[in-house]
PDB file of N, CA and C in Angstrom:
ATOM      1  N   UNK A   1      89.755 120.017  90.208  1.00  0.00           N
ATOM      2  CA  UNK A   1      90.875 119.313  91.016  1.00  0.00           C
ATOM      3  C   UNK A   1      90.297 117.682  90.269  1.00  0.00           C
ATOM      4  N   UNK A   2      91.494 116.564  89.753  1.00  0.00           N
ATOM      5  CA  UNK A   2      91.136 115.305  89.418  1.00  0.00           C
ATOM      6  C   UNK A   2      91.143 114.279  90.515  1.00  0.00           C
ATOM      7  N   UNK A   3      89.865 113.586  90.834  1.00  0.00           N
ATOM      8  CA  UNK A   3      90.223 112.478  91.577  1.00  0.00           C
ATOM      9  C   UNK A   3      90.208 111.170  90.850  1.00  0.00           C
ATOM     10  N   UNK A   4      91.268 110.044  90.973  1.00  0.00           N
ATOM     11  CA  UNK A   4      91.790 109.205  89.893  1.00  0.00           C
ATOM     12  C   UNK A   4      91.327 108.141  90.990  1.00  0.00           C
ATOM     13  N   UNK A   5      90.693 107.389  90.657  1.00  0.00           N
ATOM     14  CA  UNK A   5      90.005 105.963  91.653  1.00  0.00           C
ATOM     15  C   UNK A   5      90.224 104.535  90.705  1.00  0.00           C
ATOM     16  N   UNK A   6      91.114 103.668  91.565  1.00  0.00           N
ATOM     17  CA  UNK A   6      91.281 102.226  90.682  1.00  0.00           C
ATOM     18  C   UNK A   6      90.342 101.467  92.170  1.00  0.00           C
ATOM     19  N   UNK A   7      90.108 100.038  91.213  1.00  0.00           N
ATOM     20  CA  UNK A   7      89.813  98.725  92.332  1.00  0.00           C
ATOM     21  C   UNK A   7      90.904  97.914  91.701  1.00  0.00           C
ATOM     22  N   UNK A   8      91.105  96.988  92.526  1.00  0.00           N
ATOM     23  CA  UNK A   8      91.958  96.226  92.127  1.00  0.00           C
ATOM     24  C   UNK A   8      91.411  95.006  92.974  1.00  0.00           C
ATOM     25  N   UNK A   9      91.459  93.687  92.297  1.00  0.00           N
ATOM     26  CA  UNK A   9      91.094  92.217  92.493  1.00  0.00           C
ATOM     27  C   UNK A   9      89.654  92.356  93.444  1.00  0.00           C
ATOM     28  N   UNK A  10      89.131  93.567  93.165  1.00  0.00           N
ATOM     29  CA  UNK A  10      87.483  92.931  93.336  1.00  0.00           C
ATOM     30  C   UNK A  10      86.913  93.920  92.430  1.00  0.00           C
ATOM     31  N   UNK A  11      85.486  93.747  92.597  1.00  0.00           N
ATOM     32  CA  UNK A  11      84.754  94.576  91.870  1.00  0.00           C
ATOM     33  C   UNK A  11      84.030  96.011  92.383  1.00  0.00           C
ATOM     34  N   UNK A  12      83.952  97.013  91.850  1.00  0.00           N
ATOM     35  CA  UNK A  12      84.136  98.511  92.725  1.00  0.00           C
ATOM     36  C   UNK A  12      82.451  98.646  92.130  1.00  0.00           C
ATOM     37  N   UNK A  13      81.822  98.672  93.598  1.00  0.00           N
ATOM     38  CA  UNK A  13      80.591  98.689  93.601  1.00  0.00           C
ATOM     39  C   UNK A  13      79.836 100.267  93.778  1.00  0.00           C
ATOM     40  N   UNK A  14      78.704 100.726  93.050  1.00  0.00           N
ATOM     41  CA  UNK A  14      78.308 102.338  93.347  1.00  0.00           C
ATOM     42  C   UNK A  14      78.573 102.604  94.186  1.00  0.00           C
ATOM     43  N   UNK A  15      78.048 102.197  95.593  1.00  0.00           N
ATOM     44  CA  UNK A  15      78.219 102.555  96.763  1.00  0.00           C
ATOM     45  C   UNK A  15      79.451 103.004  97.179  1.00  0.00           C
ATOM     46  N   UNK A  16      80.644 101.808  96.789  1.00  0.00           N
ATOM     47  CA  UNK A  16      81.995 102.211  97.757  1.00  0.00           C
ATOM     48  C   UNK A  16      82.264 103.481  96.443  1.00  0.00           C
ATOM     49  N   UNK A  17      82.388 103.334  95.490  1.00  0.00           N
ATOM     50  CA  UNK A  17      82.512 104.964  94.347  1.00  0.00           C
ATOM     51  C   UNK A  17      82.049 105.870  94.851  1.00  0.00           C
ATOM     52  N   UNK A  18      80.576 105.955  95.339  1.00  0.00           N
ATOM     53  CA  UNK A  18      80.192 107.161  95.814  1.00  0.00           C
ATOM     54  C   UNK A  18      80.588 107.320  97.041  1.00  0.00           C
ATOM     55  N   UNK A  19      80.930 106.528  97.896  1.00  0.00           N
ATOM     56  CA  UNK A  19      81.358 106.998  99.633  1.00  0.00           C
ATOM     57  C   UNK A  19      82.716 107.487  99.037  1.00  0.00           C
ATOM     58  N   UNK A  20      83.686 106.982  98.576  1.00  0.00           N
ATOM     59  CA  UNK A  20      85.311 107.758  98.399  1.00  0.00           C
ATOM     60  C   UNK A  20      84.941 108.844  98.051  1.00  0.00           C
ATOM     61  N   UNK A  21      83.973 108.870  97.020  1.00  0.00           N
ATOM     62  CA  UNK A  21      83.813 110.000  96.126  1.00  0.00           C
ATOM     63  C   UNK A  21      83.479 111.277  97.150  1.00  0.00           C
ATOM     64  N   UNK A  22      82.613 111.156  97.855  1.00  0.00           N
ATOM     65  CA  UNK A  22      81.730 111.845  98.940  1.00  0.00           C
ATOM     66  C   UNK A  22      82.570 112.530  99.944  1.00  0.00           C
ATOM     67  N   UNK A  23      83.828 111.012 100.419  1.00  0.00           N
ATOM     68  CA  UNK A  23      84.641 111.494 101.333  1.00  0.00           C
ATOM     69  C   UNK A  23      85.768 112.174 100.986  1.00  0.00           C
ATOM     70  N   UNK A  24      86.402 112.314 100.063  1.00  0.00           N
ATOM     71  CA  UNK A  24      87.229 113.082  99.183  1.00  0.00           C
ATOM     72  C   UNK A  24      86.796 114.474  98.979  1.00  0.00           C
ATOM     73  N   UNK A  25      85.359 114.466  98.354  1.00  0.00           N
ATOM     74  CA  UNK A  25      85.266 115.505  98.140  1.00  0.00           C
ATOM     75  C   UNK A  25      84.924 116.583  99.221  1.00  0.00           C
ATOM     76  N   UNK A  26      84.771 116.352 100.389  1.00  0.00           N
ATOM     77  CA  UNK A  26      84.413 116.641 101.845  1.00  0.00           C
ATOM     78  C   UNK A  26      86.162 117.470 102.067  1.00  0.00           C
ATOM     79  N   UNK A  27      87.104 116.383 102.327  1.00  0.00           N
ATOM     80  CA  UNK A  27      87.976 116.359 102.842  1.00  0.00           C
ATOM     81  C   UNK A  27      88.511 117.788 101.642  1.00  0.00           C
ATOM     82  N   UNK A  28      88.900 117.295 100.106  1.00  0.00           N
ATOM     83  CA  UNK A  28      89.519 118.134  99.589  1.00  0.00           C
ATOM     84  C   UNK A  28      88.803 119.632  99.411  1.00  0.00           C
ATOM     85  N   UNK A  29      87.872 119.388  99.748  1.00  0.00           N
ATOM     86  CA  UNK A  29      87.034 120.882  99.363  1.00  0.00           C
ATOM     87  C   UNK A  29      87.889 121.894  99.771  1.00  0.00           C
ATOM     88  N   UNK A  30      87.814 121.593 101.333  1.00  0.00           N
ATOM     89  CA  UNK A  30      88.726 122.359 102.205  1.00  0.00           C
ATOM     90  C   UNK A  30      89.896 122.818 101.616  1.00  0.00           C
ATOM     91  N   UNK A  31      90.242 122.000 101.314  1.00  0.00           N
ATOM     92  CA  UNK A  31      92.029 122.447 100.751  1.00  0.00           C
ATOM     93  C   UNK A  31      92.349 122.942  99.192  1.00  0.00           C
ATOM     94  N   UNK A  32      90.903 122.432  98.322  1.00  0.00           N
ATOM     95  CA  UNK A  32      91.263 122.104  96.818  1.00  0.00           C
ATOM     96  C   UNK A  32      92.275 123.422  96.300  1.00  0.00           C
ATOM     97  N   UNK A  33      92.572 124.336  96.876  1.00  0.00           N
ATOM     98  CA  UNK A  33      93.145 125.350  96.532  1.00  0.00           C
ATOM     99  C   UNK A  33      94.755 124.865  96.536  1.00  0.00           C
ATOM    100  N   UNK A  34      94.953 124.251  97.715  1.00  0.00           N
ATOM    101  CA  UNK A  34      96.833 123.737  97.534  1.00  0.00           C
ATOM    102  C   UNK A  34      96.479 122.180  97.217  1.00  0.00           C
ATOM    103  N   UNK A  35      95.499 121.087  96.640  1.00  0.00           N
ATOM    104  CA  UNK A  35      95.652 120.028  96.024  1.00  0.00           C
ATOM    105  C   UNK A  35      95.975 120.040  94.756  1.00  0.00           C
ATOM    106  N   UNK A  36      96.558 119.390  94.186  1.00  0.00           N
ATOM    107  CA  UNK A  36      96.570 119.241  92.472  1.00  0.00           C
ATOM    108  C   UNK A  36      95.842 118.061  91.877  1.00  0.00           C
ATOM    109  N   UNK A  37      96.056 116.990  92.606  1.00  0.00           N
ATOM    110  CA  UNK A  37      95.845 115.571  92.562  1.00  0.00           C
ATOM    111  C   UNK A  37      95.543 114.821  92.905  1.00  0.00           C
ATOM    112  N   UNK A  38      94.292 113.677  93.446  1.00  0.00           N
ATOM    113  CA  UNK A  38      94.153 112.671  94.056  1.00  0.00           C
ATOM    114  C   UNK A  38      94.250 111.603  93.629  1.00  0.00           C
ATOM    115  N   UNK A  39      94.755 110.640  93.841  1.00  0.00           N
ATOM    116  CA  UNK A  39      94.338 109.140  93.488  1.00  0.00           C
ATOM    117  C   UNK A  39      94.045 108.006  94.622  1.00  0.00           C
ATOM    118  N   UNK A  40      93.117 106.958  94.136  1.00  0.00           N
ATOM    119  CA  UNK A  40      92.502 106.039  95.009  1.00  0.00           C
ATOM    120  C   UNK A  40      92.523 105.061  94.664  1.00  0.00           C
ATOM    121  N   UNK A  41      93.501 104.038  95.164  1.00  0.00           N
ATOM    122  CA  UNK A  41      93.673 102.564  95.062  1.00  0.00           C
ATOM    123  C   UNK A  41      92.995 102.003  96.028  1.00  0.00           C
ATOM    124  N   UNK A  42      91.957 101.007  95.712  1.00  0.00           N
ATOM    125  CA  UNK A  42      91.048 100.362  96.742  1.00  0.00           C
ATOM    126  C   UNK A  42      91.700  98.684  96.204  1.00  0.00           C
ATOM    127  N   UNK A  43      91.682  97.796  96.723  1.00  0.00           N
ATOM    128  CA  UNK A  43      92.332  96.254  96.780  1.00  0.00           C
ATOM    129  C   UNK A  43      91.920  95.454  97.814  1.00  0.00           C
ATOM    130  N   UNK A  44      91.815  94.080  97.325  1.00  0.00           N
ATOM    131  CA  UNK A  44      90.867  93.388  98.076  1.00  0.00           C
ATOM    132  C   UNK A  44      92.280  92.177  98.434  1.00  0.00           C
ATOM    133  N   UNK A  45      93.032  92.521  99.611  1.00  0.00           N
ATOM    134  CA  UNK A  45      94.533  91.982  99.136  1.00  0.00           C
ATOM    135  C   UNK A  45      94.315  90.302  99.489  1.00  0.00           C
ATOM    136  N   UNK A  46      93.582  89.691 100.212  1.00  0.00           N
ATOM    137  CA  UNK A  46      93.476  88.136 100.296  1.00  0.00           C
ATOM    138  C   UNK A  46      92.395  87.619  99.591  1.00  0.00           C
ATOM    139  N   UNK A  47      91.521  88.569  98.738  1.00  0.00           N
ATOM    140  CA  UNK A  47      90.807  87.987  97.866  1.00  0.00           C
ATOM    141  C   UNK A  47      89.870  87.308  99.228  1.00  0.00           C
ATOM    142  N   UNK A  48      88.951  86.044  98.227  1.00  0.00           N
ATOM    143  CA  UNK A  48      87.948  85.723  99.099  1.00  0.00           C
ATOM    144  C   UNK A  48      88.380  84.600 100.303  1.00  0.00           C
ATOM    145  N   UNK A  49      89.812  84.981 100.786  1.00  0.00           N
ATOM    146  CA  UNK A  49      89.900  84.338 102.288  1.00  0.00           C
ATOM    147  C   UNK A  49      89.681  85.221 103.493  1.00  0.00           C
ATOM    148  N   UNK A  50      89.066  86.380 102.913  1.00  0.00           N
ATOM    149  CA  UNK A  50      88.676  87.300 104.290  1.00  0.00           C
ATOM    150  C   UNK A  50      90.000  87.735 105.044  1.00  0.00           C
ATOM    151  N   UNK A  51      89.472  88.261 106.565  1.00  0.00           N
ATOM    152  CA  UNK A  51      89.650  88.889 107.164  1.00  0.00           C
ATOM    153  C   UNK A  51      90.269  90.186 106.740  1.00  0.00           C
ATOM    154  N   UNK A  52      91.720  90.810 107.795  1.00  0.00           N
ATOM    155  CA  UNK A  52      91.869  92.077 107.613  1.00  0.00           C
ATOM    156  C   UNK A  52      92.802  92.489 106.289  1.00  0.00           C
ATOM    157  N   UNK A  53      91.813  92.548 105.128  1.00  0.00           N
ATOM    158  CA  UNK A  53      92.803  92.594 104.026  1.00  0.00           C
ATOM    159  C   UNK A  53      92.166  93.679 103.060  1.00  0.00           C
ATOM    160  N   UNK A  54      90.689  94.521 103.444  1.00  0.00           N
ATOM    161  CA  UNK A  54      90.569  95.151 102.625  1.00  0.00           C
ATOM    162  C   UNK A  54      91.690  96.659 102.608  1.00  0.00           C
ATOM    163  N   UNK A  55      91.878  97.694 101.518  1.00  0.00           N
ATOM    164  CA  UNK A  55      93.073  97.999 101.556  1.00  0.00           C
ATOM    165  C   UNK A  55      92.969  99.630 100.760  1.00  0.00           C
ATOM    166  N   UNK A  56      92.862 100.820 101.511  1.00  0.00           N
ATOM    167  CA  UNK A  56      92.420 101.955 100.513  1.00  0.00           C
ATOM    168  C   UNK A  56      93.831 102.866 100.952  1.00  0.00           C
ATOM    169  N   UNK A  57      94.142 102.932  99.480  1.00  0.00           N
ATOM    170  CA  UNK A  57      95.158 103.576  99.755  1.00  0.00           C
ATOM    171  C   UNK A  57      95.139 105.306  98.558  1.00  0.00           C
ATOM    172  N   UNK A  58      95.384 106.541  99.766  1.00  0.00           N
ATOM    173  CA  UNK A  58      95.308 107.186  98.796  1.00  0.00           C
ATOM    174  C   UNK A  58      96.562 108.150  98.676  1.00  0.00           C
ATOM    175  N   UNK A  59      96.681 108.850  97.885  1.00  0.00           N
ATOM    176  CA  UNK A  59      97.842 109.687  97.227  1.00  0.00           C
ATOM    177  C   UNK A  59      97.323 111.041  96.607  1.00  0.00           C
ATOM    178  N   UNK A  60      97.427 112.090  97.843  1.00  0.00           N
ATOM    179  CA  UNK A  60      97.713 113.567  97.267  1.00  0.00           C
ATOM    180  C   UNK A  60      98.833 114.032  96.939  1.00  0.00           C
ATOM    181  N   UNK A  61      98.581 114.583  95.682  1.00  0.00           N
ATOM    182  CA  UNK A  61      99.447 115.097  95.684  1.00  0.00           C
ATOM    183  C   UNK A  61      99.387 116.797  95.660  1.00  0.00           C
ATOM    184  N   UNK A  62     100.320 117.388  96.103  1.00  0.00           N
ATOM    185  CA  UNK A  62     100.112 118.947  96.859  1.00  0.00           C
ATOM    186  C   UNK A  62     100.275 119.974  95.797  1.00  0.00           C
ATOM    187  N   UNK A  63     100.155 121.200  95.527  1.00  0.00           N
ATOM    188  CA  UNK A  63     101.055 122.042  94.796  1.00  0.00           C
ATOM    189  C   UNK A  63     102.065 123.068  95.495  1.00  0.00           C
ATOM    190  N   UNK A  64     103.355 122.416  94.923  1.00  0.00           N
ATOM    191  CA  UNK A  64     104.448 122.953  95.780  1.00  0.00           C
ATOM    192  C   UNK A  64     105.253 122.529  96.901  1.00  0.00           C
ATOM    193  N   UNK A  65     104.222 121.674  97.631  1.00  0.00           N
ATOM    194  CA  UNK A  65     104.384 120.928  98.759  1.00  0.00           C
ATOM    195  C   UNK A  65     104.569 118.994  98.714  1.00  0.00           C
ATOM    196  N   UNK A  66     105.023 118.659  99.981  1.00  0.00           N
ATOM    197  CA  UNK A  66     104.961 117.396  99.520  1.00  0.00           C
ATOM    198  C   UNK A  66     103.592 116.121  99.503  1.00  0.00           C
ATOM    199  N   UNK A  67     104.212 115.115  98.484  1.00  0.00           N
ATOM    200  CA  UNK A  67     102.834 114.390  98.305  1.00  0.00           C
ATOM    201  C   UNK A  67     102.674 113.652  99.683  1.00  0.00           C
ATOM    202  N   UNK A  68     101.184 113.664  99.837  1.00  0.00           N
ATOM    203  CA  UNK A  68     100.748 112.383 101.008  1.00  0.00           C
ATOM    204  C   UNK A  68     100.459 111.324 100.383  1.00  0.00           C
ATOM    205  N   UNK A  69     100.325 110.396 101.471  1.00  0.00           N
ATOM    206  CA  UNK A  69     100.130 108.852 101.228  1.00  0.00           C
ATOM    207  C   UNK A  69      99.789 108.397 102.350  1.00  0.00           C
ATOM    208  N   UNK A  70      98.386 107.799 102.221  1.00  0.00           N
ATOM    209  CA  UNK A  70      97.644 107.275 103.504  1.00  0.00           C
ATOM    210  C   UNK A  70      97.610 105.871 103.129  1.00  0.00           C
ATOM    211  N   UNK A  71      97.752 104.938 103.856  1.00  0.00           N
ATOM    212  CA  UNK A  71      97.421 103.607 103.445  1.00  0.00           C
ATOM    213  C   UNK A  71      96.866 102.955 104.725  1.00  0.00           C
ATOM    214  N   UNK A  72      95.889 102.804 104.502  1.00  0.00           N
ATOM    215  CA  UNK A  72      94.624 102.033 105.459  1.00  0.00           C
ATOM    216  C   UNK A  72      93.973 100.746 105.024  1.00  0.00           C
ATOM    217  N   UNK A  73      94.479  99.418 105.991  1.00  0.00           N
ATOM    218  CA  UNK A  73      93.999  98.322 105.821  1.00  0.00           C
ATOM    219  C   UNK A  73      93.221  97.686 106.845  1.00  0.00           C
ATOM    220  N   UNK A  74      91.779  97.234 106.751  1.00  0.00           N
ATOM    221  CA  UNK A  74      91.013  96.877 108.028  1.00  0.00           C
ATOM    222  C   UNK A  74      90.109  95.546 107.632  1.00  0.00           C
ATOM    223  N   UNK A  75      89.325  95.467 107.837  1.00  0.00           N
ATOM    224  CA  UNK A  75      88.217  93.988 107.181  1.00  0.00           C
ATOM    225  C   UNK A  75      86.862  94.162 106.334  1.00  0.00           C
ATOM    226  N   UNK A  76      87.111  95.705 106.653  1.00  0.00           N
ATOM    227  CA  UNK A  76      85.524  96.087 105.612  1.00  0.00           C
ATOM    228  C   UNK A  76      86.313  97.340 104.625  1.00  0.00           C
ATOM    229  N   UNK A  77      86.060  97.857 103.238  1.00  0.00           N
ATOM    230  CA  UNK A  77      86.257  98.451 102.702  1.00  0.00           C
ATOM    231  C   UNK A  77      85.402  99.613 102.814  1.00  0.00           C
ATOM    232  N   UNK A  78      84.482  99.684 103.648  1.00  0.00           N
ATOM    233  CA  UNK A  78      83.902 100.969 103.859  1.00  0.00           C
ATOM    234  C   UNK A  78      84.240 101.548 104.868  1.00  0.00           C
ATOM    235  N   UNK A  79      84.845 100.968 105.860  1.00  0.00           N
ATOM    236  CA  UNK A  79      85.960 101.292 106.683  1.00  0.00           C
ATOM    237  C   UNK A  79      87.244 101.758 106.356  1.00  0.00           C
ATOM    238  N   UNK A  80      88.042 100.957 105.451  1.00  0.00           N
ATOM    239  CA  UNK A  80      88.998 101.682 105.357  1.00  0.00           C
ATOM    240  C   UNK A  80      89.094 103.088 104.547  1.00  0.00           C
ATOM    241  N   UNK A  81      88.005 103.162 103.945  1.00  0.00           N
ATOM    242  CA  UNK A  81      87.939 104.084 102.989  1.00  0.00           C
ATOM    243  C   UNK A  81      87.280 105.482 103.605  1.00  0.00           C
ATOM    244  N   UNK A  82      86.755 105.466 105.165  1.00  0.00           N
ATOM    245  CA  UNK A  82      86.546 106.093 106.049  1.00  0.00           C
ATOM    246  C   UNK A  82      87.726 106.407 106.874  1.00  0.00           C
ATOM    247  N   UNK A  83      88.247 105.654 107.315  1.00  0.00           N
ATOM    248  CA  UNK A  83      89.429 105.920 108.119  1.00  0.00           C
ATOM    249  C   UNK A  83      90.789 106.645 107.460  1.00  0.00           C
ATOM    250  N   UNK A  84      90.933 105.997 106.053  1.00  0.00           N
ATOM    251  CA  UNK A  84      91.688 106.909 105.168  1.00  0.00           C
ATOM    252  C   UNK A  84      91.447 107.893 105.001  1.00  0.00           C
ATOM    253  N   UNK A  85      90.062 108.513 104.779  1.00  0.00           N
ATOM    254  CA  UNK A  85      90.093 109.987 104.259  1.00  0.00           C
ATOM    255  C   UNK A  85      90.448 110.764 105.344  1.00  0.00           C
ATOM    256  N   UNK A  86      89.979 110.274 106.771  1.00  0.00           N
ATOM    257  CA  UNK A  86      89.833 110.930 107.881  1.00  0.00           C
ATOM    258  C   UNK A  86      91.890 111.330 108.119  1.00  0.00           C
ATOM    259  N   UNK A  87      92.406 110.246 107.986  1.00  0.00           N
ATOM    260  CA  UNK A  87      94.033 110.158 108.058  1.00  0.00           C
ATOM    261  C   UNK A  87      94.116 111.404 107.044  1.00  0.00           C
ATOM    262  N   UNK A  88      94.147 111.230 105.942  1.00  0.00           N
ATOM    263  CA  UNK A  88      94.615 112.110 104.574  1.00  0.00           C
ATOM    264  C   UNK A  88      94.057 113.547 105.337  1.00  0.00           C
ATOM    265  N   UNK A  89      93.128 114.112 105.890  1.00  0.00           N
ATOM    266  CA  UNK A  89      92.405 115.260 106.080  1.00  0.00           C
ATOM    267  C   UNK A  89      93.642 115.877 107.189  1.00  0.00           C
ATOM    268  N   UNK A  90      93.707 114.886 108.275  1.00  0.00           N
ATOM    269  CA  UNK A  90      94.517 115.304 109.844  1.00  0.00           C
ATOM    270  C   UNK A  90      96.200 115.466 108.760  1.00  0.00           C
ATOM    271  N   UNK A  91      96.470 114.544 107.948  1.00  0.00           N
ATOM    272  CA  UNK A  91      98.121 114.639 107.234  1.00  0.00           C
ATOM    273  C   UNK A  91      98.281 115.860 106.478  1.00  0.00           C
ATOM    274  N   UNK A  92      97.010 116.402 105.793  1.00  0.00           N
ATOM    275  CA  UNK A  92      96.997 117.595 104.774  1.00  0.00           C
ATOM    276  C   UNK A  92      97.272 118.855 106.160  1.00  0.00           C
ATOM    277  N   UNK A  93      96.371 118.879 106.978  1.00  0.00           N
ATOM    278  CA  UNK A  93      96.224 119.839 107.982  1.00  0.00           C
ATOM    279  C   UNK A  93      98.007 119.934 108.613  1.00  0.00           C
ATOM    280  N   UNK A  94      98.525 118.438 108.972  1.00  0.00           N
ATOM    281  CA  UNK A  94      99.926 118.472 109.521  1.00  0.00           C
ATOM    282  C   UNK A  94     100.879 119.440 108.644  1.00  0.00           C
ATOM    283  N   UNK A  95     100.453 119.169 107.266  1.00  0.00           N
ATOM    284  CA  UNK A  95     101.594 119.715 106.265  1.00  0.00           C
ATOM    285  C   UNK A  95     101.778 121.406 105.953  1.00  0.00           C
ATOM    286  N   UNK A  96     100.122 121.744 105.997  1.00  0.00           N
ATOM    287  CA  UNK A  96     100.079 123.100 105.794  1.00  0.00           C
ATOM    288  C   UNK A  96     100.224 123.712 107.447  1.00  0.00           C
ATOM    289  N   UNK A  97      99.680 123.333 108.311  1.00  0.00           N
ATOM    290  CA  UNK A  97     100.544 123.634 109.510  1.00  0.00           C
ATOM    291  C   UNK A  97     101.480 124.094 109.466  1.00  0.00           C
ATOM    292  N   UNK A  98     102.843 123.052 109.133  1.00  0.00           N
ATOM    293  CA  UNK A  98     103.935 123.342 109.343  1.00  0.00           C
ATOM    294  C   UNK A  98     104.571 123.981 108.564  1.00  0.00           C
ATOM    295  N   UNK A  99     104.242 124.046 106.912  1.00  0.00           N
ATOM    296  CA  UNK A  99     104.163 124.579 105.782  1.00  0.00           C
ATOM    297  C   UNK A  99     104.328 126.678 106.817  1.00  0.00           C
ATOM    298  N   UNK A 100     103.151 126.557 107.232  1.00  0.00           N
ATOM    299  CA  UNK A 100     102.703 128.167 107.759  1.00  0.00           C
ATOM    300  C   UNK A 100     104.026 128.600 108.718  1.00  0.00           C
ATOM    301  N   UNK A 101     104.035 127.318 109.966  1.00  0.00           N
ATOM    302  CA  UNK A 101     104.966 127.507 110.756  1.00  0.00           C
ATOM    303  C   UNK A 101     106.168 127.627 110.106  1.00  0.00           C
ATOM    304  N   UNK A 102     106.679 127.448 109.701  1.00  0.00           N
ATOM    305  CA  UNK A 102     108.025 127.703 108.404  1.00  0.00           C
ATOM    306  C   UNK A 102     107.725 129.035 107.896  1.00  0.00           C
ATOM    307  N   UNK A 103     106.858 129.265 107.462  1.00  0.00           N
ATOM    308  CA  UNK A 103     106.774 130.758 106.991  1.00  0.00           C
ATOM    309  C   UNK A 103     107.039 131.900 107.711  1.00  0.00           C
ATOM    310  N   UNK A 104     106.056 131.445 108.938  1.00  0.00           N
ATOM    311  CA  UNK A 104     106.055 132.558 109.489  1.00  0.00           C
ATOM    312  C   UNK A 104     107.531 132.587 110.454  1.00  0.00           C
ATOM    313  N   UNK A 105     108.193 131.750 110.585  1.00  0.00           N
ATOM    314  CA  UNK A 105     109.526 132.179 111.035  1.00  0.00           C
ATOM    315  C   UNK A 105     110.686 132.405 110.097  1.00  0.00           C
ATOM    316  N   UNK A 106     110.172 131.953 109.127  1.00  0.00           N
ATOM    317  CA  UNK A 106     111.393 132.862 107.906  1.00  0.00           C
ATOM    318  C   UNK A 106     110.998 134.073 107.910  1.00  0.00           C
ATOM    319  N   UNK A 107     109.831 135.043 107.736  1.00  0.00           N
ATOM    320  CA  UNK A 107     109.354 135.996 107.748  1.00  0.00           C
ATOM    321  C   UNK A 107     109.963 136.866 109.004  1.00  0.00           C
ATOM    322  N   UNK A 108     109.796 135.967 110.082  1.00  0.00           N
ATOM    323  CA  UNK A 108     110.279 136.447 111.427  1.00  0.00           C
ATOM    324  C   UNK A 108     111.690 136.728 111.365  1.00  0.00           C
ATOM    325  N   UNK A 109     112.741 136.174 110.959  1.00  0.00           N
ATOM    326  CA  UNK A 109     113.759 136.072 110.815  1.00  0.00           C
ATOM    327  C   UNK A 109     114.334 137.373 109.371  1.00  0.00           C
ATOM    328  N   UNK A 110     113.625 137.181 108.361  1.00  0.00           N
ATOM    329  CA  UNK A 110     113.870 138.252 107.494  1.00  0.00           C
ATOM    330  C   UNK A 110     113.547 139.573 108.065  1.00  0.00           C
ATOM    331  N   UNK A 111     112.772 139.665 108.709  1.00  0.00           N
ATOM    332  CA  UNK A 111     112.179 141.233 109.318  1.00  0.00           C
ATOM    333  C   UNK A 111     112.975 141.620 110.674  1.00  0.00           C
ATOM    334  N   UNK A 112     113.829 140.970 111.352  1.00  0.00           N
ATOM    335  CA  UNK A 112     114.479 140.783 112.386  1.00  0.00           C
ATOM    336  C   UNK A 112     115.724 141.338 112.125  1.00  0.00           C
TER     337      UNK A 112
END
């Protein structure tokens, strides 16, 4: 599985890169067989003006399932990464659970 990391309008530090790779590794290892590709785009919306403007967009392409996109904006990049990766995990869980429910319902209909 490939993790594509991009930084826009700010300098990507080693600690931020390490954090995003570590968080995504934990999230995606659990679902590795279902995940085809992950892309993370980090940006500073307002530049030096400050405020709630640190954005983390996580796009996860799943095998034979819909693509998941999580967009998180906070005042701190580390917090955006943490919240975004947590939301991505929940979204993957939701998609996979929904897919299992549909499969079970389809199987039940086929055997009835």
